[in-house]
């Protein structure tokens, strides 16, 4: 159905008046009814390649060479008017972030209606009936209600289903799904993958599925093209690629995702595999890298033989539900409902659960970014709830938080240096700014950034680099306790491995204590000494990671484990 031949894509760099090659001599084919997975890190060229198929690049600043033949028509030879007949009608696309792809001022139903009326020349009533039928097909609950809802009123998984419905609205023959499950809960991710498989089979569509995670690709693809620095370095049937990967980059991608079957001290990263001379070193790393039962037992004896650093007792955070402007509060949303646990010095307590289970609210309630309704939080014997504003500010030197999205938690108008300098000035650490700057330079090096990054702004960094900046900011005040709130969920698996390794190294070096929050049980199991599984504001079960993974008690935990991609 689709043949991409010797594709070359270049972008114009206005600052230097040069052309930068983003995709270099890429070729692949997609057959009817088959799924091609394209995998690679951010910047590998996979999304750029997919955009070129439907000609979404700015022709003024982009050069595209080669051929893109769809049903024996070269799409690159078509005029802007002619390509519109293919875009949406015969080739549809699901984008990575549904919240930015959906218009916030129109209802979900109106947006799908518009696509149907534009491409199929139907009246509004017919389009609405078609939209409701599509919402049913993508298994949205209460399609009539969703039709009249705005994007912000839906969950991430529901928004993605609306995007899928919109993509299917004109019965495309080829569907391009660009990272459609990134940053979704593993359980929601599983349902989206199952839905796409079902729709592909029922409609006989071809599909290009793009992801940075080979484990996700393994769940849906028939063939896999691995992209690295703008080139396809390996292209094999999915089973063959997983059993006998040939290229070092592919081996690295497969190895760097945490496995629930192994408890490694350090995750391999792609760089370990890229030099052929490192093969022996990598084999040694994997062989010598697992914790022995004796090491695990010895660590637990040290951790749990002392008093807890943090004690959470019967903590509740409830939100009132108001039906109208002047109505009384008759009920509450119990985001955190009567939770009790301890965290010990030097421990990593993993907190896992789906979006909406209350884990982020719990983390923020502990440090009073959200005021809890009732209960007690004792940090090193001090009741956090009893502290006034000044006492809380002093406590925040010892207790820090790393947020999920580093870009939104950094001020875009402050350089990295100023962002790290500010907390040192507020808490009056070090005698002057010159001493503070020297300290910040050391801190940047410690999180594997460079001194020249001091004067750069957040938008000049990759996602992984921004997360390192936020980690450096959390470390700046030399805290004892850090809450990591989904701090690796939106990162490439290769960058995720680097950040997880860094967090473990910093813990050992500075004696840090973590609460590590994530929806991904495999990641939590890798990093944690103990785990809490949360659901609907309560703790479903808690214990050591291997016990929960091997012998889960709650049905909810069993569903989380079953949703880990590539587990089969």
Protein backbone atom coordinates (compact mmCIF):
# COMPACT_ATOMS: atom_id res chain seq x y z
CA UNK A 1 0.00 0.00 0.00
CA UNK A 2 2.79 2.45 0.93
CA UNK A 3 6.39 2.49 -0.36
CA UNK A 4 8.84 5.07 1.03
CA UNK A 5 12.00 5.13 -1.11
CA UNK A 6 15.27 6.93 -0.30
CA UNK A 7 13.52 9.62 1.74
CA UNK A 8 15.67 12.65 2.64
CA UNK A 9 14.29 15.53 4.75
CA UNK A 10 16.20 18.75 5.41
CA UNK A 11 15.25 21.78 7.51
CA UNK A 12 16.56 25.30 7.03
CA UNK A 13 18.56 26.73 9.92
CA UNK A 14 17.90 30.47 9.67
CA UNK A 15 20.51 31.44 12.27
CA UNK A 16 23.35 29.88 10.28
CA UNK A 17 21.63 29.89 6.85
CA UNK A 18 22.34 26.18 6.39
CA UNK A 19 20.28 23.05 5.71
CA UNK A 20 20.19 20.37 8.44
CA UNK A 21 19.47 16.76 7.42
CA UNK A 22 16.91 15.21 9.79
CA UNK A 23 16.11 12.07 7.75
CA UNK A 24 18.72 10.47 5.51
CA UNK A 25 17.97 7.84 2.85
CA UNK A 26 15.09 6.08 4.62
CA UNK A 27 13.15 3.31 2.84
CA UNK A 28 10.33 1.03 4.05
CA UNK A 29 6.99 -0.45 2.94
CA UNK A 30 3.63 -1.04 4.59
CA UNK A 31 1.29 -3.76 3.32
CA UNK A 32 -2.51 -3.68 3.54
CA UNK A 33 -3.77 -4.90 6.92
CA UNK A 34 -0.26 -4.89 8.45
CA UNK A 35 1.34 -2.75 11.18
CA UNK A 36 4.82 -1.28 10.78
CA UNK A 37 6.36 -0.14 14.06
CA UNK A 38 8.88 2.70 13.86
CA UNK A 39 10.97 2.98 17.02
CA UNK A 40 13.73 5.31 18.17
CA UNK A 41 14.59 8.04 20.66
CA UNK A 42 13.43 11.65 20.42
CA UNK A 43 15.32 13.27 17.57
CA UNK A 44 15.80 10.01 15.64
CA UNK A 45 13.56 11.25 12.80
CA UNK A 46 10.56 8.96 13.27
CA UNK A 47 7.88 11.66 13.65
CA UNK A 48 9.47 13.82 10.94
CA UNK A 49 9.22 10.81 8.60
CA UNK A 50 5.54 10.27 9.39
CA UNK A 51 4.71 13.97 8.92
CA UNK A 52 6.25 13.86 5.45
CA UNK A 53 3.81 11.12 4.36
CA UNK A 54 0.87 13.51 4.76
CA UNK A 55 2.99 16.58 3.85
CA UNK A 56 2.61 18.45 7.16
CA UNK A 57 5.99 20.23 6.84
CA UNK A 58 6.31 23.91 5.96
CA UNK A 59 7.40 23.91 2.28
CA UNK A 60 9.24 27.23 2.78
CA UNK A 61 11.70 25.80 5.32
CA UNK A 62 11.75 22.10 4.37
CA UNK A 63 13.29 20.14 1.50
CA UNK A 64 11.98 16.60 0.89
CA UNK A 65 13.65 14.23 -1.57
CA UNK A 66 12.98 10.63 -2.60
CA UNK A 67 9.57 9.07 -3.19
CA UNK A 68 6.49 8.36 -1.07
CA UNK A 69 4.24 6.11 -3.18
CA UNK A 70 0.74 5.49 -1.85
CA UNK A 71 -1.27 3.12 -4.04
CA UNK A 72 1.14 3.89 -6.90
CA UNK A 73 0.78 7.68 -6.55
CA UNK A 74 3.88 9.69 -5.51
CA UNK A 75 2.52 11.93 -2.75
CA UNK A 76 5.53 14.25 -3.02
CA UNK A 77 4.57 15.16 -6.60
CA UNK A 78 1.05 16.31 -5.66
CA UNK A 79 -0.01 19.94 -5.33
CA UNK A 80 -1.27 21.34 -2.02
CA UNK A 81 -4.87 21.00 -3.28
CA UNK A 82 -4.36 17.41 -4.43
CA UNK A 83 -2.71 16.21 -1.17
CA UNK A 84 -5.81 17.35 0.78
CA UNK A 85 -7.81 14.60 -0.96
CA UNK A 86 -5.51 12.03 0.66
CA UNK A 87 -4.93 13.71 4.02
CA UNK A 88 -7.72 12.67 6.40
CA UNK A 89 -9.61 10.75 3.72
CA UNK A 90 -7.23 7.94 2.83
CA UNK A 91 -4.38 8.60 5.28
CA UNK A 92 -5.26 9.67 8.83
CA UNK A 93 -3.03 10.54 11.78
CA UNK A 94 -3.26 10.29 15.57
CA UNK A 95 -0.90 12.74 17.26
CA UNK A 96 1.13 12.25 20.44
CA UNK A 97 -0.55 14.75 22.76
CA UNK A 98 -4.35 14.79 22.41
CA UNK A 99 -4.79 17.85 24.66
CA UNK A 100 -2.80 20.03 22.24
CA UNK A 101 -4.40 18.39 19.18
CA UNK A 102 -7.98 19.07 20.32
CA UNK A 103 -9.35 22.62 20.29
CA UNK A 104 -10.20 23.58 23.90
CA UNK A 105 -13.06 25.95 22.91
CA UNK A 106 -15.10 23.36 20.95
CA UNK A 107 -16.84 20.26 22.26
CA UNK A 108 -15.38 16.89 21.31
CA UNK A 109 -18.45 16.09 19.22
CA UNK A 110 -18.23 19.34 17.22
CA UNK A 111 -14.59 18.65 16.37
CA UNK A 112 -15.27 15.17 14.98
CA UNK A 113 -18.41 16.52 13.25
CA UNK A 114 -16.32 19.14 11.48
CA UNK A 115 -13.96 16.51 10.05
CA UNK A 116 -16.87 14.40 8.78
CA UNK A 117 -18.73 17.36 7.23
CA UNK A 118 -15.57 18.69 5.59
CA UNK A 119 -14.42 15.44 4.00
CA UNK A 120 -17.70 13.63 3.38
CA UNK A 121 -19.97 16.59 2.47
CA UNK A 122 -22.75 15.51 4.86
CA UNK A 123 -25.28 17.55 6.86
CA UNK A 124 -24.90 18.17 10.60
CA UNK A 125 -27.48 15.57 11.70
CA UNK A 126 -25.85 12.79 9.65
CA UNK A 127 -22.42 13.84 10.93
CA UNK A 128 -23.62 13.72 14.54
CA UNK A 129 -25.04 10.21 14.12
CA UNK A 130 -21.76 9.12 12.56
CA UNK A 131 -19.79 10.71 15.44
CA UNK A 132 -21.91 8.94 18.09
CA UNK A 133 -21.37 5.64 16.25
CA UNK A 134 -17.60 6.27 16.18
CA UNK A 135 -17.54 7.09 19.91
CA UNK A 136 -19.28 3.75 20.48
CA UNK A 137 -16.76 1.99 18.24
CA UNK A 138 -13.77 3.36 20.19
CA UNK A 139 -15.52 2.29 23.42
CA UNK A 140 -16.06 5.71 24.99
CA UNK A 141 -18.48 5.59 27.94
CA UNK A 142 -21.78 7.46 27.41
CA UNK A 143 -21.08 8.77 23.85
CA UNK A 144 -23.89 11.37 24.04
CA UNK A 145 -22.28 12.92 27.13
CA UNK A 146 -18.78 12.82 25.56
CA UNK A 147 -20.21 14.47 22.42
CA UNK A 148 -21.16 17.55 24.47
CA UNK A 149 -18.03 17.55 26.66
CA UNK A 150 -14.98 19.78 26.23
CA UNK A 151 -11.47 18.22 26.06
CA UNK A 152 -10.50 19.40 29.56
CA UNK A 153 -13.43 17.44 31.02
CA UNK A 154 -12.06 14.09 29.79
CA UNK A 155 -9.25 11.86 31.06
CA UNK A 156 -6.09 11.31 28.99
CA UNK A 157 -7.31 7.94 27.73
CA UNK A 158 -10.73 9.36 26.76
CA UNK A 159 -9.12 12.27 24.86
CA UNK A 160 -6.96 9.79 22.96
CA UNK A 161 -10.09 7.79 22.02
CA UNK A 162 -11.70 10.98 20.67
CA UNK A 163 -8.58 11.53 18.53
CA UNK A 164 -8.81 7.92 17.28
CA UNK A 165 -12.51 8.44 16.44
CA UNK A 166 -11.62 11.60 14.50
CA UNK A 167 -8.87 9.77 12.60
CA UNK A 168 -11.29 6.96 11.69
CA UNK A 169 -14.14 9.29 10.71
CA UNK A 170 -13.36 9.19 6.98
CA UNK A 171 -12.57 5.45 6.80
CA UNK A 172 -8.82 5.80 6.09
CA UNK A 173 -6.86 2.99 4.46
CA UNK A 174 -3.65 3.93 6.30
CA UNK A 175 -3.55 5.11 9.93
CA UNK A 176 -0.40 6.76 11.32
CA UNK A 177 -0.28 6.67 15.15
CA UNK A 178 2.50 8.95 16.44
CA UNK A 179 3.31 8.01 20.07
CA UNK A 180 -0.42 7.56 20.86
CA UNK A 181 0.19 5.99 24.29
CA UNK A 182 3.14 8.02 25.63
CA UNK A 183 2.55 9.28 29.22
CA UNK A 184 -0.70 7.28 29.53
CA UNK A 185 -1.15 4.87 32.44
CA UNK A 186 0.01 1.35 31.59
CA UNK A 187 -3.56 0.06 31.99
CA UNK A 188 -4.98 2.79 29.71
CA UNK A 189 -2.10 2.17 27.30
CA UNK A 190 -3.05 -1.50 27.15
CA UNK A 191 -6.70 -0.72 26.34
CA UNK A 192 -5.67 1.76 23.60
CA UNK A 193 -3.35 -0.86 22.03
CA UNK A 194 -6.10 -3.49 22.17
CA UNK A 195 -8.55 -1.01 20.61
CA UNK A 196 -6.16 -0.15 17.74
CA UNK A 197 -5.53 -3.86 17.07
CA UNK A 198 -9.29 -4.53 16.99
CA UNK A 199 -10.05 -1.58 14.69
CA UNK A 200 -7.18 -2.50 12.36
CA UNK A 201 -8.50 -6.07 12.01
CA UNK A 202 -12.15 -5.07 11.58
CA UNK A 203 -11.44 -2.33 9.04
CA UNK A 204 -8.53 -4.01 7.22
CA UNK A 205 -6.40 -0.87 7.66
CA UNK A 206 -2.66 -0.62 7.36
CA UNK A 207 -0.96 1.16 10.25
CA UNK A 208 2.31 2.89 11.08
CA UNK A 209 2.77 2.87 14.86
CA UNK A 210 5.51 5.17 16.21
CA UNK A 211 7.00 4.81 19.69
CA UNK A 212 10.23 5.19 21.65
CA UNK A 213 9.47 1.97 23.54
CA UNK A 214 10.19 -1.38 21.88
CA UNK A 215 8.11 -3.18 24.51
CA UNK A 216 5.03 -1.23 23.36
CA UNK A 217 5.88 -1.88 19.70
CA UNK A 218 6.03 -5.62 20.43
CA UNK A 219 2.35 -5.54 21.46
CA UNK A 220 1.03 -4.32 18.10
CA UNK A 221 3.53 -4.41 15.20
CA UNK A 222 4.12 -7.06 12.53
CA UNK A 223 7.44 -5.52 11.43
CA UNK A 224 9.76 -3.01 13.12
CA UNK A 225 12.00 -0.31 11.63
CA UNK A 226 14.54 1.00 14.15
CA UNK A 227 15.61 4.62 13.50
CA UNK A 228 18.80 6.20 14.80
CA UNK A 229 20.08 9.67 13.85
CA UNK A 230 17.78 9.93 10.84
CA UNK A 231 18.50 6.48 9.40
CA UNK A 232 16.85 3.06 9.56
CA UNK A 233 19.52 0.87 11.17
CA UNK A 234 17.45 -2.32 11.43
CA UNK A 235 14.22 -3.53 9.82
CA UNK A 236 12.93 -6.99 10.74
CA UNK A 237 9.76 -8.92 11.59
CA UNK A 238 8.91 -8.17 15.23
CA UNK A 239 9.59 -11.70 16.59
CA UNK A 240 12.97 -11.91 14.85
CA UNK A 241 14.04 -8.46 16.03
CA UNK A 242 13.30 -9.30 19.67
CA UNK A 243 14.95 -12.73 19.57
CA UNK A 244 18.09 -11.78 17.57
CA UNK A 245 18.63 -8.00 17.43
CA UNK A 246 21.62 -7.19 15.21
CA UNK A 247 22.35 -3.48 15.60
CA UNK A 248 23.96 -2.25 18.88
CA UNK A 249 21.36 0.54 19.10
CA UNK A 250 18.50 -1.99 19.01
CA UNK A 251 20.23 -4.07 21.70
CA UNK A 252 20.52 -0.93 23.84
CA UNK A 253 16.83 -0.02 23.46
CA UNK A 254 15.83 -3.56 24.45
CA UNK A 255 18.12 -3.63 27.49
CA UNK A 256 17.51 -0.20 29.02
CA UNK A 257 13.85 -0.63 30.02
CA UNK A 258 13.45 -1.94 33.60
CA UNK A 259 12.43 -5.58 33.63
CA UNK A 260 10.16 -6.86 36.41
CA UNK A 261 11.99 -10.19 36.17
CA UNK A 262 15.40 -8.79 37.23
CA UNK A 263 16.51 -6.55 40.10
CA UNK A 264 19.47 -4.67 38.60
CA UNK A 265 21.73 -2.29 40.51
CA UNK A 266 22.18 -0.16 37.38
CA UNK A 267 20.21 -0.11 34.14
CA UNK A 268 22.19 -0.48 30.90
CA UNK A 269 21.98 2.60 28.65
CA UNK A 270 22.23 2.91 24.87
CA UNK A 271 25.77 4.35 25.08
CA UNK A 272 26.95 1.04 26.60
CA UNK A 273 26.08 -0.72 23.35
CA UNK A 274 27.06 1.76 20.64
CA UNK A 275 30.78 0.89 20.58
CA UNK A 276 31.31 -2.64 19.27
CA UNK A 277 34.36 -2.97 21.53
CA UNK A 278 32.09 -2.69 24.56
CA UNK A 279 30.32 -6.02 23.94
CA UNK A 280 32.31 -7.80 26.63
CA UNK A 281 31.83 -4.93 29.06
CA UNK A 282 28.06 -4.97 28.46
CA UNK A 283 27.88 -8.74 29.01
CA UNK A 284 29.84 -8.29 32.25
CA UNK A 285 27.54 -5.39 33.26
CA UNK A 286 24.42 -7.52 32.82
CA UNK A 287 25.97 -10.55 34.53
CA UNK A 288 27.44 -8.79 37.58
CA UNK A 289 24.71 -6.17 37.94
CA UNK A 290 21.95 -8.04 39.78
CA UNK A 291 21.43 -7.78 43.53
CA UNK A 292 22.01 -11.06 45.37
CA UNK A 293 19.45 -12.19 47.98
CA UNK A 294 22.14 -11.62 50.65
CA UNK A 295 22.69 -8.00 49.51
CA UNK A 296 18.93 -7.32 49.54
CA UNK A 297 18.55 -8.83 53.03
CA UNK A 298 21.54 -6.89 54.38
CA UNK A 299 20.15 -3.59 53.02
CA UNK A 300 16.75 -4.26 54.59
CA UNK A 301 18.28 -4.99 57.99
CA UNK A 302 20.03 -1.59 57.90
CA UNK A 303 17.00 0.33 56.57
CA UNK A 304 14.37 -1.02 58.91
CA UNK A 305 16.42 -1.26 62.10
CA UNK A 306 15.96 2.47 62.86
CA UNK A 307 13.11 4.91 63.51
CA UNK A 308 11.13 6.19 60.47
CA UNK A 309 12.08 9.56 58.96
CA UNK A 310 8.50 10.18 57.80
CA UNK A 311 5.30 8.97 59.47
CA UNK A 312 1.94 9.45 57.75
CA UNK A 313 -1.04 8.71 59.99
CA UNK A 314 -4.69 8.51 58.85
CA UNK A 315 -4.11 11.21 56.21
CA UNK A 316 -7.21 12.45 54.35
CA UNK A 317 -7.47 15.03 51.57
CA UNK A 318 -11.08 15.55 50.49
CA UNK A 319 -12.48 18.00 47.95
CA UNK A 320 -16.04 19.36 48.38
CA UNK A 321 -18.48 18.87 45.49
CA UNK A 322 -20.73 21.89 44.83
CA UNK A 323 -23.80 21.44 42.60
CA UNK A 324 -24.39 25.18 42.11
CA UNK A 325 -23.00 28.60 43.01
CA UNK A 326 -24.73 28.88 46.41
CA UNK A 327 -25.41 25.21 47.11
CA UNK A 328 -24.25 23.41 50.21
CA UNK A 329 -21.59 20.73 50.15
CA UNK A 330 -23.35 17.39 50.34
CA UNK A 331 -20.51 15.13 49.28
CA UNK A 332 -16.72 15.02 48.85
CA UNK A 333 -14.23 13.54 46.40
CA UNK A 334 -11.99 11.50 48.68
CA UNK A 335 -8.69 11.86 46.77
CA UNK A 336 -6.70 10.58 49.76
CA UNK A 337 -8.74 8.60 52.25
CA UNK A 338 -7.31 7.46 55.62
CA UNK A 339 -3.78 6.53 54.53
CA UNK A 340 -1.10 5.40 56.99
CA UNK A 341 2.53 4.41 56.27
CA UNK A 342 6.16 5.07 57.30
CA UNK A 343 9.26 5.90 55.26
CA UNK A 344 12.70 5.06 56.69
CA UNK A 345 15.98 7.00 56.27
CA UNK A 346 17.75 6.10 53.00
CA UNK A 347 14.73 4.15 51.71
CA UNK A 348 12.94 4.47 48.36
CA UNK A 349 9.22 3.93 48.86
CA UNK A 350 7.49 3.32 45.52
CA UNK A 351 3.93 4.61 45.11
CA UNK A 352 2.15 3.09 42.11
CA UNK A 353 -1.36 3.42 40.68
CA UNK A 354 -3.36 4.78 37.76
CA UNK A 355 -4.12 8.47 37.15
CA UNK A 356 -6.79 9.61 39.57
CA UNK A 357 -5.88 7.08 42.28
CA UNK A 358 -4.64 9.89 44.57
CA UNK A 359 -0.89 9.30 44.50
CA UNK A 360 0.08 12.84 43.37
CA UNK A 361 -2.41 14.39 45.83
CA UNK A 362 -0.86 12.26 48.58
CA UNK A 363 2.67 13.44 47.69
CA UNK A 364 1.63 17.10 47.69
CA UNK A 365 -0.42 16.73 50.88
CA UNK A 366 2.62 15.35 52.72
CA UNK A 367 4.61 18.55 52.09
CA UNK A 368 1.51 20.81 52.33
CA UNK A 369 1.47 22.02 48.73
CA UNK A 370 -2.13 20.85 49.17
CA UNK A 371 -3.58 21.27 52.65
CA UNK A 372 -4.80 17.89 53.96
CA UNK A 373 -8.31 17.64 55.44
CA UNK A 374 -7.24 15.59 58.45
CA UNK A 375 -4.58 13.23 59.74
CA UNK A 376 -0.96 13.70 60.74
CA UNK A 377 2.39 13.92 58.92
CA UNK A 378 5.50 13.70 61.11
CA UNK A 379 8.87 14.50 59.53
CA UNK A 380 11.76 13.57 61.83
CA UNK A 381 9.32 13.87 64.76
CA UNK A 382 7.97 17.32 63.75
CA UNK A 383 4.25 17.62 62.95
CA UNK A 384 4.16 19.25 59.49
CA UNK A 385 0.57 20.43 59.97
CA UNK A 386 1.50 22.49 63.05
CA UNK A 387 4.16 24.55 61.22
CA UNK A 388 3.48 28.20 60.39
CA UNK A 389 4.65 29.76 57.08
CA UNK A 390 8.17 30.46 58.41
CA UNK A 391 8.53 26.99 59.89
CA UNK A 392 7.30 25.40 56.69
CA UNK A 393 9.83 27.40 54.64
CA UNK A 394 12.66 26.13 56.85
CA UNK A 395 11.32 22.57 56.58
CA UNK A 396 11.37 22.83 52.79
CA UNK A 397 15.16 22.84 52.92
CA UNK A 398 14.96 19.22 54.03
CA UNK A 399 11.94 18.18 51.94
CA UNK A 400 11.89 18.73 48.17
CA UNK A 401 9.75 17.59 45.22
CA UNK A 402 10.54 16.80 41.56
CA UNK A 403 7.46 17.37 39.38
CA UNK A 404 6.29 15.32 36.40
CA UNK A 405 6.76 17.95 33.68
CA UNK A 406 10.12 19.71 34.02
CA UNK A 407 9.28 22.30 31.37
CA UNK A 408 6.23 23.64 33.24
CA UNK A 409 8.06 23.58 36.59
CA UNK A 410 10.91 25.78 35.30
CA UNK A 411 10.42 29.51 34.73
CA UNK A 412 10.96 30.05 30.96
CA UNK A 413 12.30 33.57 31.65
CA UNK A 414 15.03 32.42 34.04
CA UNK A 415 18.33 30.92 32.94
CA UNK A 416 19.33 27.61 34.51
CA UNK A 417 21.85 29.43 36.68
CA UNK A 418 19.23 31.86 38.03
CA UNK A 419 16.72 29.03 38.62
CA UNK A 420 19.29 27.23 40.78
CA UNK A 421 20.56 30.42 42.41
CA UNK A 422 17.12 31.54 43.62
CA UNK A 423 16.52 28.88 46.33
CA UNK A 424 20.08 29.37 47.64
CA UNK A 425 19.41 33.11 48.02
CA UNK A 426 15.97 32.58 49.62
CA UNK A 427 17.46 30.25 52.25
CA UNK A 428 20.62 32.39 52.59
CA UNK A 429 23.01 29.51 51.86
CA UNK A 430 26.69 30.36 51.30
CA UNK A 431 28.21 33.78 51.94
CA UNK A 432 27.77 35.42 48.49
CA UNK A 433 26.63 34.83 44.90
CA UNK A 434 30.14 34.02 43.70
CA UNK A 435 30.35 31.10 46.16
CA UNK A 436 26.82 30.06 45.20
CA UNK A 437 27.73 30.06 41.51
CA UNK A 438 30.74 27.83 42.14
CA UNK A 439 28.48 25.42 44.05
CA UNK A 440 25.93 25.42 41.20
CA UNK A 441 28.68 24.61 38.67
CA UNK A 442 29.62 21.56 40.76
CA UNK A 443 25.94 20.59 40.97
CA UNK A 444 25.50 20.79 37.17
CA UNK A 445 28.48 18.51 36.67
CA UNK A 446 27.10 16.07 39.24
CA UNK A 447 23.83 15.65 37.30
CA UNK A 448 25.87 15.22 34.08
CA UNK A 449 25.25 18.68 32.64
CA UNK A 450 27.92 21.17 31.53
CA UNK A 451 29.08 24.46 33.10
CA UNK A 452 28.11 26.34 29.89
CA UNK A 453 24.48 25.32 30.54
CA UNK A 454 24.45 27.86 33.39
CA UNK A 455 23.45 30.75 31.07
CA UNK A 456 20.95 28.87 28.89
CA UNK A 457 17.14 28.90 29.10
CA UNK A 458 14.86 25.86 29.63
CA UNK A 459 13.62 25.78 26.00
CA UNK A 460 17.20 25.16 24.81
CA UNK A 461 17.33 21.70 26.41
CA UNK A 462 15.92 18.26 25.66
CA UNK A 463 13.35 16.65 28.00
CA UNK A 464 16.01 14.53 29.70
CA UNK A 465 18.30 17.52 30.24
CA UNK A 466 15.43 19.55 31.71
CA UNK A 467 14.68 16.73 34.14
CA UNK A 468 18.35 16.82 35.24
CA UNK A 469 18.04 20.59 35.82
CA UNK A 470 14.99 20.01 38.04
CA UNK A 471 16.88 17.29 39.94
CA UNK A 472 19.78 19.72 40.42
CA UNK A 473 17.35 22.34 41.76
CA UNK A 474 15.91 19.82 44.23
CA UNK A 475 19.44 18.92 45.37
CA UNK A 476 20.60 22.54 45.66
CA UNK A 477 19.33 22.94 49.24
CA UNK A 478 20.95 19.63 50.31
CA UNK A 479 17.65 18.00 51.34
CA UNK A 480 17.20 14.73 53.20
CA UNK A 481 13.93 13.71 51.58
CA UNK A 482 12.67 14.05 47.96
CA UNK A 483 9.29 13.20 46.44
CA UNK A 484 9.70 12.20 42.77
CA UNK A 485 6.28 12.68 41.16
CA UNK A 486 6.14 10.82 37.80
CA UNK A 487 9.61 12.20 37.15
CA UNK A 488 10.43 9.81 34.27
CA UNK A 489 7.00 9.00 32.79
CA UNK A 490 7.26 11.16 29.64
CA UNK A 491 10.93 10.40 28.87
CA UNK A 492 12.34 8.09 26.20
CA UNK A 493 13.17 4.69 27.68
CA UNK A 494 16.89 5.30 27.07
CA UNK A 495 16.81 8.71 28.83
CA UNK A 496 14.57 7.22 31.53
CA UNK A 497 17.27 4.64 32.28
CA UNK A 498 19.89 7.41 32.67
CA UNK A 499 17.68 9.41 35.07
CA UNK A 500 16.81 6.31 37.15
CA UNK A 501 20.51 5.47 37.43
CA UNK A 502 21.24 9.08 38.44
CA UNK A 503 18.55 9.05 41.16
CA UNK A 504 20.01 5.85 42.65
CA UNK A 505 23.59 7.22 42.52
CA UNK A 506 22.52 10.47 44.23
CA UNK A 507 20.70 8.52 46.93
CA UNK A 508 23.82 6.53 47.73
CA UNK A 509 26.07 9.60 47.59
CA UNK A 510 23.94 11.98 49.68
CA UNK A 511 21.95 9.54 51.84
CA UNK A 512 18.65 10.68 50.33
CA UNK A 513 15.22 9.25 51.12
CA UNK A 514 12.68 9.04 48.27
CA UNK A 515 8.99 8.59 47.69
CA UNK A 516 8.95 7.60 44.01
CA UNK A 517 5.54 8.01 42.34
CA UNK A 518 4.72 6.35 39.01
CA UNK A 519 1.97 4.57 37.08
CA UNK A 520 4.51 2.07 35.72
CA UNK A 521 4.94 -0.91 38.03
CA UNK A 522 8.11 -2.11 36.25
CA UNK A 523 9.86 1.23 36.91
CA UNK A 524 8.67 1.35 40.54
CA UNK A 525 9.81 -2.22 41.14
CA UNK A 526 13.27 -1.44 39.76
CA UNK A 527 13.92 1.55 42.03
CA UNK A 528 11.99 0.77 45.23
CA UNK A 529 12.81 -0.94 48.52
CA UNK A 530 9.09 -1.19 49.35
CA UNK A 531 5.93 -0.50 47.32
CA UNK A 532 2.48 0.90 48.04
CA UNK A 533 -0.27 0.22 45.47
CA UNK A 534 -2.95 2.95 45.50
CA UNK A 535 -6.47 2.83 44.09
CA UNK A 536 -9.35 5.30 44.61
CA UNK A 537 -7.60 7.15 47.43
CA UNK A 538 -6.73 4.07 49.47
CA UNK A 539 -3.81 1.65 49.76
CA UNK A 540 -4.70 -1.64 48.05
CA UNK A 541 -1.59 -3.45 49.27
CA UNK A 542 1.98 -2.80 50.36
CA UNK A 543 5.15 -4.82 50.76
CA UNK A 544 8.48 -5.69 49.17
CA UNK A 545 8.53 -5.34 45.34
CA UNK A 546 9.29 -8.98 44.51
CA UNK A 547 6.52 -10.22 46.83
CA UNK A 548 3.93 -7.91 45.27
CA UNK A 549 5.04 -8.77 41.75
CA UNK A 550 5.22 -12.54 42.24
CA UNK A 551 2.21 -12.92 44.58
CA UNK A 552 -0.16 -9.94 44.18
CA UNK A 553 -3.14 -10.10 46.53
CA UNK A 554 -5.45 -7.44 45.07
CA UNK A 555 -7.15 -7.81 41.68
CA UNK A 556 -6.19 -4.20 40.96
CA UNK A 557 -2.48 -5.03 41.39
CA UNK A 558 -2.87 -8.05 39.11
CA UNK A 559 -4.30 -5.75 36.41
CA UNK A 560 -1.33 -3.35 36.77
CA UNK A 561 1.13 -6.24 36.38
CA UNK A 562 -0.75 -7.66 33.39
CA UNK A 563 -0.61 -4.25 31.69
CA UNK A 564 3.22 -4.03 31.70
CA UNK A 565 4.05 -3.93 27.94
CA UNK A 566 6.13 -6.74 26.46
CA UNK A 567 5.64 -8.93 29.54
CA UNK A 568 4.34 -11.87 27.53
